[in-house]
Amino acid sequence: MTKLSPAPAAGPGTLLVEKDAQTVNETDGTAVVNVLRLCGSAGAVTVDFSTTAGTAVPGDNYQDVSGTVTFDDGDATPKSIPIPLLDNHQIQCDPQTFDLNLSNPGGGASLGLPTTTVSIEDGDQGQHLFQKTFQVRDANRATGPAWNATVDQPWLFLSADSGFGPSTVTVTVEIAGLSPGTYTGTITITSDGAVGSPQTIQVTVDIQPGAGGGGGV
């Protein structure tokens, strides 16, 4: 009896990303891009990778990464590139995007699909968020003044912390992680030279049992 085995794939192969696009949630913590080696596995091969910003901002929505992926001789197992995601607690209606690019294939390998676009969906549009709006404007004039705003609690977020009136600002309260009880925070708005500056807005949050899972505030 003669036992026949399939011949190993000849040549160093082609290196490429697994998908041309993928979607993640900012609360996932990590986006993973897989690099494939197809149509050959002879010899050790390498390919460089790096991220490029789209609408997503490095250091705010994700962390830039770069480096080199290596496949050993005979190795065609997909390699994973982890990319840290950052939850900036800002409400964003549209997904934020960045690219991961492959370049400079080595060891005789060719380059196939070189780029995947990662779309980061907003994780802050869920049941743990409550919002109100207020307006900053001059009491007598149609425009002005220039203003800045600060908050004194980690669960308070503003859609803008500076501007030139009239400005509409959205206040977001994130109750995830807060125990039932009453919480008080202050928004302070300052304007150089304006009469009555600074102005303060007090925010009181009463979290009822079950609010952390979508209950009332």
C-alpha atoms as a PDB file:
ATOM      1  CA  MET A   1       0.000   0.000   0.000  1.00  0.00           C
ATOM      2  CA  THR A   2       1.263   3.443  -0.922  1.00  0.00           C
ATOM      3  CA  LYS A   3       0.148   6.413   1.152  1.00  0.00           C
ATOM      4  CA  LEU A   4       0.084   9.692  -0.691  1.00  0.00           C
ATOM      5  CA  SER A   5       0.320  13.081   1.078  1.00  0.00           C
ATOM      6  CA  PRO A   6      -0.480  16.428  -0.478  1.00  0.00           C
ATOM      7  CA  ALA A   7       2.599  18.338  -1.553  1.00  0.00           C
ATOM      8  CA  PRO A   8       3.359  21.441   0.490  1.00  0.00           C
ATOM      9  CA  ALA A   9       2.367  24.710  -1.125  1.00  0.00           C
ATOM     10  CA  ALA A  10       5.244  25.940  -3.219  1.00  0.00           C
ATOM     11  CA  GLY A  11       6.624  29.443  -2.982  1.00  0.00           C
ATOM     12  CA  PRO A  12       6.611  31.985  -0.142  1.00  0.00           C
ATOM     13  CA  GLY A  13       2.959  32.927  -0.668  1.00  0.00           C
ATOM     14  CA  THR A  14       0.917  36.099  -0.514  1.00  0.00           C
ATOM     15  CA  LEU A  15       0.391  38.188   2.621  1.00  0.00           C
ATOM     16  CA  LEU A  16      -2.860  40.104   3.108  1.00  0.00           C
ATOM     17  CA  VAL A  17      -5.366  41.337   5.675  1.00  0.00           C
ATOM     18  CA  GLU A  18      -8.334  39.051   6.276  1.00  0.00           C
ATOM     19  CA  LYS A  19     -11.013  41.693   5.593  1.00  0.00           C
ATOM     20  CA  ASP A  20     -11.153  45.022   3.802  1.00  0.00           C
ATOM     21  CA  ALA A  21     -13.381  46.452   6.575  1.00  0.00           C
ATOM     22  CA  GLN A  22     -14.564  45.575  10.061  1.00  0.00           C
ATOM     23  CA  THR A  23     -16.635  47.169  12.825  1.00  0.00           C
ATOM     24  CA  VAL A  24     -15.906  47.240  16.567  1.00  0.00           C
ATOM     25  CA  ASN A  25     -17.364  48.979  19.611  1.00  0.00           C
ATOM     26  CA  GLU A  26     -15.210  51.445  21.537  1.00  0.00           C
ATOM     27  CA  THR A  27     -15.992  49.520  24.743  1.00  0.00           C
ATOM     28  CA  ASP A  28     -14.444  46.319  23.301  1.00  0.00           C
ATOM     29  CA  GLY A  29     -11.023  47.526  24.439  1.00  0.00           C
ATOM     30  CA  THR A  30      -9.170  46.057  21.458  1.00  0.00           C
ATOM     31  CA  ALA A  31      -9.636  45.756  17.707  1.00  0.00           C
ATOM     32  CA  VAL A  32      -7.991  42.688  16.173  1.00  0.00           C
ATOM     33  CA  VAL A  33      -6.803  42.556  12.554  1.00  0.00           C
ATOM     34  CA  ASN A  34      -5.768  39.176  11.159  1.00  0.00           C
ATOM     35  CA  VAL A  35      -2.975  38.788   8.601  1.00  0.00           C
ATOM     36  CA  LEU A  36      -3.168  35.760   6.291  1.00  0.00           C
ATOM     37  CA  ARG A  37      -0.542  33.851   4.325  1.00  0.00           C
ATOM     38  CA  LEU A  38      -2.045  32.201   1.262  1.00  0.00           C
ATOM     39  CA  CYS A  39      -0.880  30.232  -1.794  1.00  0.00           C
ATOM     40  CA  GLY A  40       2.485  29.185  -0.374  1.00  0.00           C
ATOM     41  CA  SER A  41       4.400  28.747   2.862  1.00  0.00           C
ATOM     42  CA  ALA A  42       7.997  28.100   1.788  1.00  0.00           C
ATOM     43  CA  GLY A  43      10.601  30.055   3.711  1.00  0.00           C
ATOM     44  CA  ALA A  44      10.328  32.716   6.393  1.00  0.00           C
ATOM     45  CA  VAL A  45       8.495  35.866   5.322  1.00  0.00           C
ATOM     46  CA  THR A  46       7.659  39.214   6.921  1.00  0.00           C
ATOM     47  CA  VAL A  47       5.381  42.172   6.360  1.00  0.00           C
ATOM     48  CA  ASP A  48       5.280  45.567   8.091  1.00  0.00           C
ATOM     49  CA  PHE A  49       2.091  47.076   9.494  1.00  0.00           C
ATOM     50  CA  SER A  50       0.994  50.506  10.725  1.00  0.00           C
ATOM     51  CA  THR A  51      -2.193  52.420  11.488  1.00  0.00           C
ATOM     52  CA  THR A  52      -3.382  55.576   9.730  1.00  0.00           C
ATOM     53  CA  ALA A  53      -6.006  57.959  11.105  1.00  0.00           C
ATOM     54  CA  GLY A  54      -9.277  58.537   9.295  1.00  0.00           C
ATOM     55  CA  THR A  55     -12.026  60.277  11.244  1.00  0.00           C
ATOM     56  CA  ALA A  56     -10.800  58.547  14.419  1.00  0.00           C
ATOM     57  CA  VAL A  57      -8.188  60.435  16.436  1.00  0.00           C
ATOM     58  CA  PRO A  58      -5.061  58.609  17.707  1.00  0.00           C
ATOM     59  CA  GLY A  59      -4.811  58.942  21.474  1.00  0.00           C
ATOM     60  CA  ASP A  60      -8.527  59.731  21.748  1.00  0.00           C
ATOM     61  CA  ASN A  61     -10.327  56.914  19.897  1.00  0.00           C
ATOM     62  CA  TYR A  62      -7.497  54.378  19.507  1.00  0.00           C
ATOM     63  CA  GLN A  63      -3.748  53.933  19.954  1.00  0.00           C
ATOM     64  CA  ASP A  64      -1.479  53.961  16.899  1.00  0.00           C
ATOM     65  CA  VAL A  65       0.454  50.716  16.403  1.00  0.00           C
ATOM     66  CA  SER A  66       3.233  49.643  14.045  1.00  0.00           C
ATOM     67  CA  GLY A  67       5.587  46.704  13.711  1.00  0.00           C
ATOM     68  CA  THR A  68       6.370  43.587  11.703  1.00  0.00           C
ATOM     69  CA  VAL A  69       4.512  40.284  11.328  1.00  0.00           C
ATOM     70  CA  THR A  70       6.681  37.191  10.789  1.00  0.00           C
ATOM     71  CA  PHE A  71       5.715  33.786   9.357  1.00  0.00           C
ATOM     72  CA  ASP A  72       8.294  31.009   9.797  1.00  0.00           C
ATOM     73  CA  ASP A  73       9.120  28.474   7.106  1.00  0.00           C
ATOM     74  CA  GLY A  74       6.066  26.280   6.548  1.00  0.00           C
ATOM     75  CA  ASP A  75       3.879  28.457   8.764  1.00  0.00           C
ATOM     76  CA  ALA A  76       0.558  29.616   7.309  1.00  0.00           C
ATOM     77  CA  THR A  77      -1.278  30.192  10.594  1.00  0.00           C
ATOM     78  CA  PRO A  78      -3.058  33.594  10.621  1.00  0.00           C
ATOM     79  CA  LYS A  79      -1.351  36.234  12.771  1.00  0.00           C
ATOM     80  CA  SER A  80      -3.331  38.699  14.899  1.00  0.00           C
ATOM     81  CA  ILE A  81      -2.521  42.390  15.351  1.00  0.00           C
ATOM     82  CA  PRO A  82      -4.199  43.898  18.449  1.00  0.00           C
ATOM     83  CA  ILE A  83      -5.011  47.625  18.363  1.00  0.00           C
ATOM     84  CA  PRO A  84      -6.037  49.294  21.673  1.00  0.00           C
ATOM     85  CA  LEU A  85      -9.345  51.171  21.597  1.00  0.00           C
ATOM     86  CA  LEU A  86     -10.023  54.156  23.868  1.00  0.00           C
ATOM     87  CA  ASP A  87     -13.411  55.046  25.356  1.00  0.00           C
ATOM     88  CA  ASN A  88     -13.460  58.859  25.418  1.00  0.00           C
ATOM     89  CA  HIS A  89     -17.017  59.087  26.842  1.00  0.00           C
ATOM     90  CA  GLN A  90     -18.093  61.461  24.079  1.00  0.00           C
ATOM     91  CA  ILE A  91     -21.344  61.000  22.196  1.00  0.00           C
ATOM     92  CA  GLN A  92     -20.610  60.474  18.495  1.00  0.00           C
ATOM     93  CA  CYS A  93     -23.417  59.779  16.047  1.00  0.00           C
ATOM     94  CA  ASP A  94     -21.207  58.416  13.250  1.00  0.00           C
ATOM     95  CA  PRO A  95     -18.618  55.632  13.544  1.00  0.00           C
ATOM     96  CA  GLN A  96     -15.009  56.833  13.741  1.00  0.00           C
ATOM     97  CA  THR A  97     -12.582  55.138  11.324  1.00  0.00           C
ATOM     98  CA  PHE A  98      -8.899  54.347  10.954  1.00  0.00           C
ATOM     99  CA  ASP A  99      -6.905  52.073   8.631  1.00  0.00           C
ATOM    100  CA  LEU A 100      -4.382  49.350   9.284  1.00  0.00           C
ATOM    101  CA  ASN A 101      -1.952  49.035   6.358  1.00  0.00           C
ATOM    102  CA  LEU A 102       0.455  46.284   5.327  1.00  0.00           C
ATOM    103  CA  SER A 103       3.650  47.156   3.444  1.00  0.00           C
ATOM    104  CA  ASN A 104       7.173  45.960   2.578  1.00  0.00           C
ATOM    105  CA  PRO A 105       6.660  42.200   2.229  1.00  0.00           C
ATOM    106  CA  GLY A 106       9.924  40.335   2.763  1.00  0.00           C
ATOM    107  CA  GLY A 107      11.292  36.876   2.066  1.00  0.00           C
ATOM    108  CA  GLY A 108       9.945  36.815  -1.468  1.00  0.00           C
ATOM    109  CA  ALA A 109       6.276  37.022  -0.442  1.00  0.00           C
ATOM    110  CA  SER A 110       3.881  39.123  -2.460  1.00  0.00           C
ATOM    111  CA  LEU A 111       1.365  41.585  -1.042  1.00  0.00           C
ATOM    112  CA  GLY A 112      -2.340  40.985  -1.507  1.00  0.00           C
ATOM    113  CA  LEU A 113      -5.118  43.060   0.100  1.00  0.00           C
ATOM    114  CA  PRO A 114      -3.018  45.622   2.016  1.00  0.00           C
ATOM    115  CA  THR A 115      -5.560  47.680   3.983  1.00  0.00           C
ATOM    116  CA  THR A 116      -8.482  47.149   6.332  1.00  0.00           C
ATOM    117  CA  THR A 117     -10.681  50.004   7.550  1.00  0.00           C
ATOM    118  CA  VAL A 118     -11.779  49.712  11.177  1.00  0.00           C
ATOM    119  CA  SER A 119     -15.012  51.506  12.141  1.00  0.00           C
ATOM    120  CA  ILE A 120     -15.422  52.282  15.842  1.00  0.00           C
ATOM    121  CA  GLU A 121     -19.029  52.477  16.951  1.00  0.00           C
ATOM    122  CA  ASP A 122     -19.880  54.692  19.924  1.00  0.00           C
ATOM    123  CA  GLY A 123     -20.375  52.736  23.131  1.00  0.00           C
ATOM    124  CA  ASP A 124     -21.817  55.733  24.982  1.00  0.00           C
ATOM    125  CA  GLN A 125     -25.213  55.791  23.293  1.00  0.00           C
ATOM    126  CA  GLY A 126     -26.530  53.087  25.593  1.00  0.00           C
ATOM    127  CA  GLN A 127     -28.874  52.817  28.516  1.00  0.00           C
ATOM    128  CA  HIS A 128     -26.418  54.220  31.074  1.00  0.00           C
ATOM    129  CA  LEU A 129     -26.454  57.766  29.662  1.00  0.00           C
ATOM    130  CA  PHE A 130     -28.794  60.665  30.360  1.00  0.00           C
ATOM    131  CA  GLN A 131     -28.614  64.045  28.646  1.00  0.00           C
ATOM    132  CA  LYS A 132     -29.803  67.641  28.955  1.00  0.00           C
ATOM    133  CA  THR A 133     -28.868  70.808  27.050  1.00  0.00           C
ATOM    134  CA  PHE A 134     -28.258  74.415  28.063  1.00  0.00           C
ATOM    135  CA  GLN A 135     -27.360  77.595  26.182  1.00  0.00           C
ATOM    136  CA  VAL A 136     -24.504  80.033  26.725  1.00  0.00           C
ATOM    137  CA  ARG A 137     -25.210  83.543  25.376  1.00  0.00           C
ATOM    138  CA  ASP A 138     -24.878  87.236  26.188  1.00  0.00           C
ATOM    139  CA  ALA A 139     -27.821  88.586  28.150  1.00  0.00           C
ATOM    140  CA  ASN A 140     -28.148  91.694  25.969  1.00  0.00           C
ATOM    141  CA  ARG A 141     -26.279  91.182  22.692  1.00  0.00           C
ATOM    142  CA  ALA A 142     -27.037  88.835  19.813  1.00  0.00           C
ATOM    143  CA  THR A 143     -23.578  87.274  19.860  1.00  0.00           C
ATOM    144  CA  GLY A 144     -20.941  86.527  22.438  1.00  0.00           C
ATOM    145  CA  PRO A 145     -19.307  86.114  24.822  1.00  0.00           C
ATOM    146  CA  ALA A 146     -16.311  83.788  24.493  1.00  0.00           C
ATOM    147  CA  TRP A 147     -16.614  81.205  27.265  1.00  0.00           C
ATOM    148  CA  ASN A 148     -15.002  78.157  28.896  1.00  0.00           C
ATOM    149  CA  ALA A 149     -16.644  75.448  30.964  1.00  0.00           C
ATOM    150  CA  THR A 150     -15.421  72.889  33.499  1.00  0.00           C
ATOM    151  CA  VAL A 151     -17.054  70.081  35.479  1.00  0.00           C
ATOM    152  CA  ASP A 152     -16.141  68.782  38.927  1.00  0.00           C
ATOM    153  CA  GLN A 153     -17.363  65.176  38.687  1.00  0.00           C
ATOM    154  CA  PRO A 154     -16.044  62.218  36.634  1.00  0.00           C
ATOM    155  CA  TRP A 155     -19.589  61.219  35.624  1.00  0.00           C
ATOM    156  CA  LEU A 156     -20.306  64.604  33.996  1.00  0.00           C
ATOM    157  CA  PHE A 157     -19.373  65.217  30.337  1.00  0.00           C
ATOM    158  CA  LEU A 158     -19.923  68.230  28.070  1.00  0.00           C
ATOM    159  CA  SER A 159     -20.259  68.206  24.287  1.00  0.00           C
ATOM    160  CA  ALA A 160     -18.037  71.322  24.247  1.00  0.00           C
ATOM    161  CA  ASP A 161     -15.907  72.982  26.924  1.00  0.00           C
ATOM    162  CA  SER A 162     -15.424  76.326  25.133  1.00  0.00           C
ATOM    163  CA  GLY A 163     -17.039  78.448  22.453  1.00  0.00           C
ATOM    164  CA  PHE A 164     -18.481  81.805  21.444  1.00  0.00           C
ATOM    165  CA  GLY A 165     -22.118  82.443  22.216  1.00  0.00           C
ATOM    166  CA  PRO A 166     -24.789  81.741  21.461  1.00  0.00           C
ATOM    167  CA  SER A 167     -23.757  78.114  22.075  1.00  0.00           C
ATOM    168  CA  THR A 168     -25.861  75.051  22.838  1.00  0.00           C
ATOM    169  CA  VAL A 169     -24.062  72.563  25.070  1.00  0.00           C
ATOM    170  CA  THR A 170     -25.180  69.017  25.818  1.00  0.00           C
ATOM    171  CA  VAL A 171     -24.559  67.660  29.313  1.00  0.00           C
ATOM    172  CA  THR A 172     -24.161  63.891  29.515  1.00  0.00           C
ATOM    173  CA  VAL A 173     -24.452  61.985  32.788  1.00  0.00           C
ATOM    174  CA  GLU A 174     -22.991  58.468  32.733  1.00  0.00           C
ATOM    175  CA  ILE A 175     -24.357  56.426  35.615  1.00  0.00           C
ATOM    176  CA  ALA A 176     -22.584  53.151  34.801  1.00  0.00           C
ATOM    177  CA  GLY A 177     -20.650  52.090  37.892  1.00  0.00           C
ATOM    178  CA  LEU A 178     -22.511  54.429  40.267  1.00  0.00           C
ATOM    179  CA  SER A 179     -24.382  52.887  43.195  1.00  0.00           C
ATOM    180  CA  PRO A 180     -27.970  53.932  43.974  1.00  0.00           C
ATOM    181  CA  GLY A 181     -28.064  57.292  45.735  1.00  0.00           C
ATOM    182  CA  THR A 182     -28.015  61.048  45.141  1.00  0.00           C
ATOM    183  CA  TYR A 183     -25.034  62.689  43.440  1.00  0.00           C
ATOM    184  CA  THR A 184     -24.372  66.387  42.939  1.00  0.00           C
ATOM    185  CA  GLY A 185     -22.010  67.992  40.433  1.00  0.00           C
ATOM    186  CA  THR A 186     -21.302  71.515  39.235  1.00  0.00           C
ATOM    187  CA  ILE A 187     -20.700  72.972  35.785  1.00  0.00           C
ATOM    188  CA  THR A 188     -18.761  76.252  35.969  1.00  0.00           C
ATOM    189  CA  ILE A 189     -18.873  78.660  33.022  1.00  0.00           C
ATOM    190  CA  THR A 190     -16.407  81.547  32.878  1.00  0.00           C
ATOM    191  CA  SER A 191     -15.995  84.456  30.470  1.00  0.00           C
ATOM    192  CA  ASP A 192     -13.231  87.032  30.825  1.00  0.00           C
ATOM    193  CA  GLY A 193     -14.646  90.485  31.365  1.00  0.00           C
ATOM    194  CA  ALA A 194     -18.296  89.386  31.347  1.00  0.00           C
ATOM    195  CA  VAL A 195     -20.595  90.690  34.056  1.00  0.00           C
ATOM    196  CA  GLY A 196     -21.662  87.933  36.426  1.00  0.00           C
ATOM    197  CA  SER A 197     -18.844  85.567  35.483  1.00  0.00           C
ATOM    198  CA  PRO A 198     -18.457  82.836  36.571  1.00  0.00           C
ATOM    199  CA  GLN A 199     -21.878  81.210  36.355  1.00  0.00           C
ATOM    200  CA  THR A 200     -22.569  77.764  37.805  1.00  0.00           C
ATOM    201  CA  ILE A 201     -25.088  75.053  36.959  1.00  0.00           C
ATOM    202  CA  GLN A 202     -25.785  72.415  39.577  1.00  0.00           C
ATOM    203  CA  VAL A 203     -26.568  68.907  38.360  1.00  0.00           C
ATOM    204  CA  THR A 204     -28.299  66.526  40.768  1.00  0.00           C
ATOM    205  CA  VAL A 205     -28.637  62.863  39.877  1.00  0.00           C
ATOM    206  CA  ASP A 206     -30.887  60.548  41.873  1.00  0.00           C
ATOM    207  CA  ILE A 207     -30.101  56.960  40.947  1.00  0.00           C
ATOM    208  CA  GLN A 208     -32.798  54.495  41.879  1.00  0.00           C
ATOM    209  CA  PRO A 209     -32.125  50.772  42.392  1.00  0.00           C
ATOM    210  CA  GLY A 210     -31.846  49.144  38.980  1.00  0.00           C
ATOM    211  CA  ALA A 211     -30.708  52.336  37.198  1.00  0.00           C
ATOM    212  CA  GLY A 212     -27.301  50.844  36.447  1.00  0.00           C
ATOM    213  CA  GLY A 213     -29.100  48.318  34.294  1.00  0.00           C
ATOM    214  CA  GLY A 214     -31.314  50.839  32.566  1.00  0.00           C
ATOM    215  CA  GLY A 215     -33.485  52.143  35.433  1.00  0.00           C
ATOM    216  CA  GLY A 216     -34.505  55.721  36.019  1.00  0.00           C
ATOM    217  CA  VAL A 217     -32.577  58.833  37.019  1.00  0.00           C
END
